[in-house]
Protein backbone atom coordinates (compact mmCIF):
# COMPACT_ATOMS: atom_id res chain seq x y z
CA UNK A 1 73.28 39.73 150.01
CA UNK A 2 72.68 36.14 151.13
CA UNK A 3 75.43 34.51 153.13
CA UNK A 4 75.81 31.69 150.61
CA UNK A 5 76.64 34.09 147.79
CA UNK A 6 80.23 35.36 147.57
CA UNK A 7 80.90 39.07 147.37
CA UNK A 8 82.30 40.48 144.14
CA UNK A 9 85.73 40.79 145.78
CA UNK A 10 85.74 37.18 146.99
CA UNK A 11 84.42 35.58 143.82
CA UNK A 12 86.75 33.76 141.42
CA UNK A 13 84.40 32.03 138.95
CA UNK A 14 80.80 32.85 138.07
CA UNK A 15 78.69 30.45 136.01
CA UNK A 16 75.20 31.41 134.83
CA UNK A 17 72.69 29.11 133.09
CA UNK A 18 75.39 26.89 131.54
CA UNK A 19 74.10 24.40 128.96
CA UNK A 20 75.73 21.71 126.85
CA UNK A 21 73.54 19.77 124.42
CA UNK A 22 75.01 17.01 122.27
CA UNK A 23 73.16 16.51 118.96
CA UNK A 24 71.67 13.12 118.06
CA UNK A 25 72.23 12.40 114.36
CA UNK A 26 70.71 9.55 112.37
CA UNK A 27 70.32 8.36 108.82
CA UNK A 28 72.53 8.46 105.75
CA UNK A 29 72.84 12.25 105.81
CA UNK A 30 73.36 12.39 109.60
CA UNK A 31 70.30 14.55 110.14
CA UNK A 32 69.91 16.00 113.65
CA UNK A 33 66.80 14.46 115.22
CA UNK A 34 67.26 15.56 118.83
CA UNK A 35 69.84 16.30 121.48
CA UNK A 36 71.17 14.96 124.77
CA UNK A 37 70.85 17.66 127.44
CA UNK A 38 74.02 16.72 129.33
CA UNK A 39 74.09 20.09 131.13
CA UNK A 40 70.80 21.95 131.19
CA UNK A 41 71.08 25.25 133.02
CA UNK A 42 73.79 25.09 135.71
CA UNK A 43 74.35 28.18 137.86
CA UNK A 44 77.09 28.27 140.50
CA UNK A 45 79.91 30.40 141.95
CA UNK A 46 83.40 29.55 143.15
CA UNK A 47 85.07 31.68 145.80
CA UNK A 48 88.77 32.36 146.14
CA UNK A 49 90.57 29.72 148.18
CA UNK A 50 87.58 27.37 148.58
CA UNK A 51 86.83 23.85 147.42
CA UNK A 52 83.41 23.37 145.83
CA UNK A 53 82.30 19.74 145.70
CA UNK A 54 80.20 18.76 142.66
CA UNK A 55 78.41 15.46 143.24
CA UNK A 56 75.74 13.26 141.66
CA UNK A 57 75.12 9.92 139.99
CA UNK A 58 77.12 8.82 136.95
CA UNK A 59 75.78 10.54 133.85
CA UNK A 60 74.35 13.59 135.64
CA UNK A 61 76.68 16.00 133.80
CA UNK A 62 79.40 16.67 136.41
CA UNK A 63 82.37 16.03 134.15
CA UNK A 64 80.75 17.90 131.26
CA UNK A 65 80.41 20.98 133.49
CA UNK A 66 84.11 20.80 134.37
CA UNK A 67 85.18 20.46 130.74
CA UNK A 68 82.92 23.34 129.68
CA UNK A 69 84.45 25.61 132.33
CA UNK A 70 87.90 25.04 130.79
CA UNK A 71 86.49 25.11 127.24
CA UNK A 72 87.85 21.65 126.56
CA UNK A 73 84.40 21.30 125.01
CA UNK A 74 82.37 24.29 123.85
CA UNK A 75 79.21 25.11 125.84
CA UNK A 76 75.92 25.44 123.95
CA UNK A 77 74.64 28.37 126.02
CA UNK A 78 75.38 30.25 129.21
CA UNK A 79 77.93 32.61 130.72
CA UNK A 80 81.28 31.82 132.38
CA UNK A 81 83.12 34.72 134.01
CA UNK A 82 86.54 34.60 135.65
CA UNK A 83 87.19 37.40 138.14
CA UNK A 84 90.69 38.85 138.17
CA UNK A 85 91.98 42.15 139.59
CA UNK A 86 88.51 43.67 139.76
CA UNK A 87 87.60 42.75 136.18
CA UNK A 88 85.53 39.98 134.62
CA UNK A 89 87.01 37.77 131.91
CA UNK A 90 84.34 36.26 129.65
CA UNK A 91 85.81 32.78 129.11
CA UNK A 92 83.31 31.92 126.36
CA UNK A 93 84.24 35.06 124.42
CA UNK A 94 88.01 34.47 124.38
CA UNK A 95 89.70 34.07 120.99
CA UNK A 96 92.01 31.04 120.50
CA UNK A 97 95.08 33.20 121.19
CA UNK A 98 93.52 34.81 124.29
CA UNK A 99 92.35 31.40 125.50
CA UNK A 100 95.90 30.04 125.27
CA UNK A 101 97.13 32.96 127.39
CA UNK A 102 94.31 32.37 129.88
CA UNK A 103 94.78 28.60 130.35
CA UNK A 104 97.58 28.80 132.97
CA UNK A 105 95.02 30.25 135.42
CA UNK A 106 92.70 27.22 135.25
CA UNK A 107 93.96 23.63 135.10
CA UNK A 108 92.44 20.15 135.32
CA UNK A 109 93.26 16.88 137.09
CA UNK A 110 91.78 14.03 135.05
CA UNK A 111 89.96 11.00 136.41
CA UNK A 112 92.11 8.20 134.98
CA UNK A 113 95.86 8.68 135.50
CA UNK A 114 96.57 5.79 133.13
CA UNK A 115 95.00 7.45 130.08
CA UNK A 116 95.87 11.07 130.96
CA UNK A 117 99.66 10.51 131.02
CA UNK A 118 101.54 9.92 127.76
CA UNK A 119 103.28 6.51 128.13
CA UNK A 120 106.04 7.58 125.69
CA UNK A 121 107.09 10.60 127.73
CA UNK A 122 109.17 10.60 130.90
CA UNK A 123 107.71 12.10 134.06
CA UNK A 124 110.06 15.05 133.66
CA UNK A 125 108.73 15.74 130.17
CA UNK A 126 105.09 15.34 131.27
CA UNK A 127 105.33 17.75 134.21
CA UNK A 128 107.66 20.14 132.37
CA UNK A 129 105.62 20.38 129.16
CA UNK A 130 103.27 23.16 130.44
CA UNK A 131 106.34 25.19 131.49
CA UNK A 132 107.93 24.76 128.07
CA UNK A 133 104.78 25.48 126.05
CA UNK A 134 104.11 28.66 128.01
CA UNK A 135 107.80 29.67 127.96
CA UNK A 136 108.05 29.82 131.72
CA UNK A 137 111.29 27.85 132.11
CA UNK A 138 113.85 25.87 130.13
CA UNK A 139 117.17 24.11 130.60
CA UNK A 140 118.45 23.80 134.15
CA UNK A 141 115.71 26.07 135.49
CA UNK A 142 113.11 23.72 134.01
CA UNK A 143 114.69 20.69 135.72
CA UNK A 144 114.75 22.51 139.04
CA UNK A 145 111.08 23.50 138.73
CA UNK A 146 110.00 19.97 137.76
CA UNK A 147 112.02 18.45 140.62
CA UNK A 148 110.45 20.85 143.12
CA UNK A 149 106.95 20.05 141.80
CA UNK A 150 107.52 16.31 142.16
CA UNK A 151 108.76 16.75 145.71
CA UNK A 152 105.72 18.89 146.54
CA UNK A 153 103.41 15.96 145.69
CA UNK A 154 105.46 13.34 147.56
CA UNK A 155 107.66 12.00 144.75
CA UNK A 156 111.45 12.18 144.25
CA UNK A 157 113.52 14.30 141.88
CA UNK A 158 115.05 11.12 140.45
CA UNK A 159 111.57 10.07 139.25
CA UNK A 160 111.90 12.59 136.39
CA UNK A 161 113.76 10.00 134.30
CA UNK A 162 111.16 7.26 134.72
CA UNK A 163 108.05 6.51 132.61
CA UNK A 164 104.43 6.37 133.87
CA UNK A 165 104.21 2.55 133.68
CA UNK A 166 106.82 2.30 136.45
CA UNK A 167 104.47 3.92 138.99
CA UNK A 168 101.43 2.77 140.95
CA UNK A 169 97.99 4.29 140.38
CA UNK A 170 98.32 6.68 143.31
CA UNK A 171 101.78 7.80 142.18
CA UNK A 172 100.48 8.42 138.64
CA UNK A 173 97.75 10.63 140.07
CA UNK A 174 100.42 12.55 141.99
CA UNK A 175 102.17 13.13 138.66
CA UNK A 176 98.90 14.47 137.23
CA UNK A 177 98.55 16.81 140.22
CA UNK A 178 102.13 18.06 139.76
CA UNK A 179 101.41 18.78 136.10
CA UNK A 180 98.25 20.71 137.02
CA UNK A 181 100.21 22.79 139.56
CA UNK A 182 103.11 23.56 137.20
CA UNK A 183 101.74 26.94 136.07
CA UNK A 184 100.53 27.98 139.55
CA UNK A 185 96.81 28.11 138.61
CA UNK A 186 94.15 30.01 140.56
CA UNK A 187 91.54 27.26 139.95
CA UNK A 188 91.88 23.49 139.59
CA UNK A 189 89.06 21.28 138.32
CA UNK A 190 89.61 17.82 139.82
CA UNK A 191 87.50 15.33 137.85
CA UNK A 192 86.95 12.34 140.19
CA UNK A 193 90.70 12.18 140.95
CA UNK A 194 90.38 9.30 143.45
CA UNK A 195 87.62 7.13 141.96
CA UNK A 196 90.09 4.83 140.16
CA UNK A 197 92.27 4.32 143.26
CA UNK A 198 92.24 1.97 146.25
CA UNK A 199 90.56 3.28 149.38
CA UNK A 200 93.86 3.60 151.30
CA UNK A 201 95.41 5.53 148.42
CA UNK A 202 92.31 7.75 148.12
CA UNK A 203 92.94 9.12 151.61
CA UNK A 204 96.53 9.98 150.72
CA UNK A 205 95.51 11.89 147.59
CA UNK A 206 92.70 13.75 149.40
CA UNK A 207 95.08 14.78 152.18
CA UNK A 208 97.62 15.89 149.59
CA UNK A 209 95.07 18.07 147.77
CA UNK A 210 93.92 19.64 151.04
CA UNK A 211 97.49 20.36 152.08
CA UNK A 212 98.41 21.87 148.70
CA UNK A 213 95.31 24.05 148.68
CA UNK A 214 96.13 25.39 152.14
CA UNK A 215 99.74 26.09 151.15
CA UNK A 216 99.24 27.46 147.63
CA UNK A 217 95.83 29.11 148.05
CA UNK A 218 94.18 27.91 144.83
CA UNK A 219 90.44 27.22 144.50
CA UNK A 220 89.19 23.78 143.52
CA UNK A 221 86.10 22.25 141.94
CA UNK A 222 86.14 18.67 143.22
CA UNK A 223 83.95 16.40 141.07
CA UNK A 224 82.89 13.09 142.61
CA UNK A 225 80.00 10.69 143.06
CA UNK A 226 80.97 9.62 146.60
CA UNK A 227 79.49 11.97 149.21
CA UNK A 228 81.69 10.55 151.97
CA UNK A 229 84.77 11.60 149.99
CA UNK A 230 83.41 15.07 149.22
CA UNK A 231 82.53 15.73 152.87
CA UNK A 232 86.17 15.76 154.00
CA UNK A 233 87.57 18.07 151.35
CA UNK A 234 84.79 20.55 150.41
CA UNK A 235 83.78 23.89 151.89
CA UNK A 236 80.55 23.94 149.87
CA UNK A 237 78.76 21.18 147.97
CA UNK A 238 76.56 21.32 144.85
CA UNK A 239 74.37 18.30 144.07
CA UNK A 240 73.56 17.61 140.41
CA UNK A 241 70.75 15.57 138.89
CA UNK A 242 70.04 15.13 135.17
CA UNK A 243 72.12 18.13 134.10
CA UNK A 244 70.83 20.55 136.76
CA UNK A 245 71.86 21.72 140.22
CA UNK A 246 69.39 20.37 142.78
CA UNK A 247 70.96 21.92 145.86
CA UNK A 248 74.03 23.95 146.80
CA UNK A 249 75.08 24.72 150.37
CA UNK A 250 78.01 24.76 152.74
CA UNK A 251 79.12 21.22 153.55
CA UNK A 252 78.05 21.15 157.22
CA UNK A 253 74.54 22.41 156.46
CA UNK A 254 74.01 20.10 153.49
CA UNK A 255 75.05 16.98 155.38
CA UNK A 256 73.01 17.80 158.49
CA UNK A 257 69.86 19.40 157.00
CA UNK A 258 69.43 18.73 153.26
CA UNK A 259 66.73 20.68 151.42
CA UNK A 260 66.28 18.51 148.33
CA UNK A 261 64.84 14.95 148.34
CA UNK A 262 67.60 13.73 146.02
CA UNK A 263 70.26 14.94 148.47
CA UNK A 264 68.45 13.11 151.28
CA UNK A 265 68.49 9.89 149.23
CA UNK A 266 72.21 10.22 148.51
CA UNK A 267 73.01 10.86 152.16
CA UNK A 268 71.04 7.79 153.24
CA UNK A 269 73.47 5.65 151.23
CA UNK A 270 76.63 7.08 152.88
CA UNK A 271 78.13 4.32 155.07
CA UNK A 272 78.64 5.09 158.76
CA UNK A 273 81.49 3.24 160.53
CA UNK A 274 79.41 2.64 163.69
CA UNK A 275 77.39 -0.59 163.11
CA UNK A 276 74.89 0.31 165.85
CA UNK A 277 74.01 3.56 164.08
CA UNK A 278 74.06 1.93 160.64
CA UNK A 279 71.58 -0.75 161.76
CA UNK A 280 68.90 1.80 162.66
CA UNK A 281 69.23 3.96 159.56
CA UNK A 282 66.54 3.97 156.90
CA UNK A 283 68.01 3.54 153.44
CA UNK A 284 66.03 5.44 150.79
CA UNK A 285 65.87 3.38 147.62
CA UNK A 286 64.97 5.42 144.56
CA UNK A 287 62.43 3.70 142.32
CA UNK A 288 62.99 3.47 138.57
CA UNK A 289 65.93 4.63 136.50
CA UNK A 290 67.44 8.02 135.79
CA UNK A 291 65.34 9.60 133.00
CA UNK A 292 66.70 9.85 129.46
CA UNK A 293 68.64 13.13 129.09
CA UNK A 294 67.42 13.41 125.49
CA UNK A 295 63.77 13.42 126.66
CA UNK A 296 63.67 14.75 130.25
CA UNK A 297 60.33 14.56 132.09
CA UNK A 298 58.15 17.68 132.36
CA UNK A 299 58.35 19.71 135.55
CA UNK A 300 60.99 18.79 138.11
CA UNK A 301 63.45 16.30 136.56
CA UNK A 302 63.51 14.31 139.81
CA UNK A 303 59.74 13.96 140.29
CA UNK A 304 59.37 10.46 138.69
CA UNK A 305 61.59 9.04 141.46
CA UNK A 306 60.65 11.39 144.32
CA UNK A 307 58.49 9.97 147.12
CA UNK A 308 57.34 13.49 148.10
CA UNK A 309 56.21 14.60 144.61
CA UNK A 310 53.03 16.67 144.33
CA UNK A 311 51.09 17.85 141.23
CA UNK A 312 53.11 21.07 140.98
CA UNK A 313 56.30 18.99 140.67
CA UNK A 314 54.96 17.39 137.48
CA UNK A 315 53.95 20.70 135.94
CA UNK A 316 56.58 23.35 136.73
CA UNK A 317 60.39 23.26 136.62
CA UNK A 318 61.63 24.51 140.02
CA UNK A 319 64.13 27.38 140.04
CA UNK A 320 67.35 27.27 142.05
CA UNK A 321 66.44 29.73 144.81
CA UNK A 322 67.54 30.77 148.27
CA UNK A 323 65.60 28.71 150.83
CA UNK A 324 67.74 29.36 153.93
CA UNK A 325 70.60 31.64 154.80
CA UNK A 326 73.16 29.11 153.54
CA UNK A 327 71.25 26.94 151.07
CA UNK A 328 69.88 27.26 147.56
CA UNK A 329 67.64 24.46 146.29
CA UNK A 330 65.60 23.65 143.20
CA UNK A 331 62.57 22.09 144.88
CA UNK A 332 59.00 23.37 145.18
CA UNK A 333 58.67 21.76 148.62
CA UNK A 334 61.96 22.78 150.24
CA UNK A 335 60.38 24.84 153.02
CA UNK A 336 57.68 22.23 153.72
CA UNK A 337 59.74 19.02 153.91
CA UNK A 338 61.65 17.87 156.98
CA UNK A 339 64.44 15.85 155.36
CA UNK A 340 66.98 13.70 157.21
CA UNK A 341 70.73 14.23 156.94
CA UNK A 342 73.63 12.39 158.54
C-alpha cells in the first residue's frame, strides 16, 4: 500500500468519484438544457486525527464537496463511506432518521459567521441547540455544557446571555466553532472559516483550531483558497480545479515539490515575507479565464491555461494516480516536469 493512502484502521472518511451536477433550466416549462459540473469526480480520504486542506480558486467546487459530504446537498453520483468501529457507514444510503442519528459525528463551521448565526437567538441558545435537539443535555446541565464550550474557544460563560451582534467577527466565528464542537464530532468540515476575518484575527482562529484538534482528537477538512493559510494547519493538502482533484499530497511535499502545473502556479503567488527572496521569484500568471463548468474543455480541464500542455493533454482526461510515494496527481506529465515549489 502506498504511503499516502491510509490503512483501513486509520481511515475515517472515504470518498470515491463524488459528483454534483446542478441542472440548467430554461424556457416557460423550465426544461433542462444542460448542467453545471460543480464537482466532477472527486476521490479523497481523510485519516483519523488529521487535517486535510482543500484548496483552489473560487468556484472550483470546494464548498460543494464539503456540503455533499454532510448531505446538506445531495450528491449526483459517487460513494461516501464513514469508517466507525471496523464498519463502513454508507452516508449516501442513510434514511432521514438514520441521517439525523449520524449527524453528531460530522459537523460544519460555515464561512460567514454573520449569516450562520441566528440574530434572534442568544449565544447560549445557539450553542445549546444541538445538545437540546439530540437530547444530550437540558436544564442546568445544558448551561454547564454551553459555558464550558464557550470557555474552550476563548469566550466567557457570561456571554451566553448576549446576542451575536454584540460580538466582533472573530468572536462570532468562535461561537460557530463552539456550536460545531457541542456534540463532540469525529470530523469537522471548516468552510473557509477565516476568509471573512482580519489577518490578525485569522491567526487566532487558526491557532485555536489547531489547539482544539490536538486536545480533542477530531479530524478536519479545512477548505480555503489561501495556500499560505492552509500550510500552517494541514497535514495533507488536496488541490482542486474545475470540480476535480489535481493533486493530493502531504503538506511538506506539496509545497516543496509540486507535481501538477496548477499547484506550481498557486504556489508562485504565495507571498514570502523576505523581500530579497520575493524579488527574485518568478510569478506564474495563468492566461485566460477558468473554463465554464457547464461546458468543460476536452482532455485535462487545466490544459487551456497550462504552459506545459502537450497534445495528449487536449485529448485524454488524466486520472488521479500515484506518481511518488507521497503524492497523487492528475497530470499526464507529472513524472516529466520539474516544477518549482516554495
